[in-house]
Amino acid sequence: MKDKESGEEKEGRHFSFRVGPESAGARLDRFLAEQPEILEAHLSRTRLKNLIET
């Protein structure tokens, strides 16, 4: 991932989640957007959706 201001490569962040039965059938972008780690990283649901689609 490139830093918008400097154009330099940045190391990406990696996340790992377990999906419980109560979340079965949920949209992935919505599920992820509700996770504390994602909230702390300030990733919007739109950004998550774009990452999923790429």
C-alpha atoms as a PDB file:
ATOM      1  CA  MET A   1       0.000   0.000   0.000  1.00  0.00           C
ATOM      2  CA  LYS A   2       1.307   3.478  -0.833  1.00  0.00           C
ATOM      3  CA  ASP A   3       1.203   6.443   1.517  1.00  0.00           C
ATOM      4  CA  LYS A   4      -0.952   9.136  -0.120  1.00  0.00           C
ATOM      5  CA  GLU A   5       1.353  12.006   0.821  1.00  0.00           C
ATOM      6  CA  SER A   6       4.826  10.560   0.318  1.00  0.00           C
ATOM      7  CA  GLY A   7       4.041   7.929  -2.317  1.00  0.00           C
ATOM      8  CA  GLU A   8       6.228   5.467  -0.391  1.00  0.00           C
ATOM      9  CA  GLU A   9       5.240   1.881   0.160  1.00  0.00           C
ATOM     10  CA  LYS A  10       3.761   1.156   3.595  1.00  0.00           C
ATOM     11  CA  GLU A  11       3.435  -2.195   5.250  1.00  0.00           C
ATOM     12  CA  GLY A  12      -0.190  -3.333   5.252  1.00  0.00           C
ATOM     13  CA  ARG A  13      -2.111  -4.416   8.304  1.00  0.00           C
ATOM     14  CA  HIS A  14      -3.407  -7.948   8.654  1.00  0.00           C
ATOM     15  CA  PHE A  15      -6.518  -8.952  10.558  1.00  0.00           C
ATOM     16  CA  SER A  16      -7.930 -12.333  11.494  1.00  0.00           C
ATOM     17  CA  PHE A  17     -11.496 -13.002  12.678  1.00  0.00           C
ATOM     18  CA  ARG A  18     -13.634 -15.975  13.579  1.00  0.00           C
ATOM     19  CA  VAL A  19     -17.217 -15.846  12.408  1.00  0.00           C
ATOM     20  CA  GLY A  20     -19.691 -17.369  14.840  1.00  0.00           C
ATOM     21  CA  PRO A  21     -23.011 -18.976  13.929  1.00  0.00           C
ATOM     22  CA  GLU A  22     -24.858 -15.782  14.922  1.00  0.00           C
ATOM     23  CA  SER A  23     -23.137 -13.988  12.019  1.00  0.00           C
ATOM     24  CA  ALA A  24     -23.860 -16.660   9.420  1.00  0.00           C
ATOM     25  CA  GLY A  25     -25.407 -15.128   6.325  1.00  0.00           C
ATOM     26  CA  ALA A  26     -24.278 -11.584   7.171  1.00  0.00           C
ATOM     27  CA  ARG A  27     -22.643  -9.442   4.514  1.00  0.00           C
ATOM     28  CA  LEU A  28     -18.886  -9.609   4.935  1.00  0.00           C
ATOM     29  CA  ASP A  29     -18.367  -5.835   4.753  1.00  0.00           C
ATOM     30  CA  ARG A  30     -20.996  -5.263   7.473  1.00  0.00           C
ATOM     31  CA  PHE A  31     -19.554  -7.983   9.697  1.00  0.00           C
ATOM     32  CA  LEU A  32     -16.040  -6.574   9.379  1.00  0.00           C
ATOM     33  CA  ALA A  33     -17.146  -2.960   9.916  1.00  0.00           C
ATOM     34  CA  GLU A  34     -18.521  -3.942  13.347  1.00  0.00           C
ATOM     35  CA  GLN A  35     -15.247  -5.459  14.578  1.00  0.00           C
ATOM     36  CA  PRO A  36     -13.283  -3.388  17.148  1.00  0.00           C
ATOM     37  CA  GLU A  37      -9.988  -3.821  15.266  1.00  0.00           C
ATOM     38  CA  ILE A  38     -11.537  -2.405  12.096  1.00  0.00           C
ATOM     39  CA  LEU A  39     -13.104   0.497  13.992  1.00  0.00           C
ATOM     40  CA  GLU A  40      -9.710   1.332  15.514  1.00  0.00           C
ATOM     41  CA  ALA A  41      -8.103   1.231  12.054  1.00  0.00           C
ATOM     42  CA  HIS A  42     -10.703   3.744  10.789  1.00  0.00           C
ATOM     43  CA  LEU A  43     -11.670   1.594   7.806  1.00  0.00           C
ATOM     44  CA  SER A  44     -15.075   2.508   6.388  1.00  0.00           C
ATOM     45  CA  ARG A  45     -17.539  -0.066   5.137  1.00  0.00           C
ATOM     46  CA  THR A  46     -17.045   1.353   1.638  1.00  0.00           C
ATOM     47  CA  ARG A  47     -13.268   0.864   1.903  1.00  0.00           C
ATOM     48  CA  LEU A  48     -13.789  -2.677   3.191  1.00  0.00           C
ATOM     49  CA  LYS A  49     -16.106  -3.447   0.282  1.00  0.00           C
ATOM     50  CA  ASN A  50     -13.505  -2.160  -2.191  1.00  0.00           C
ATOM     51  CA  LEU A  51     -10.786  -4.281  -0.564  1.00  0.00           C
ATOM     52  CA  ILE A  52     -13.024  -7.360  -0.709  1.00  0.00           C
ATOM     53  CA  GLU A  53     -13.773  -6.807  -4.398  1.00  0.00           C
ATOM     54  CA  THR A  54     -10.110  -6.457  -5.407  1.00  0.00           C
END
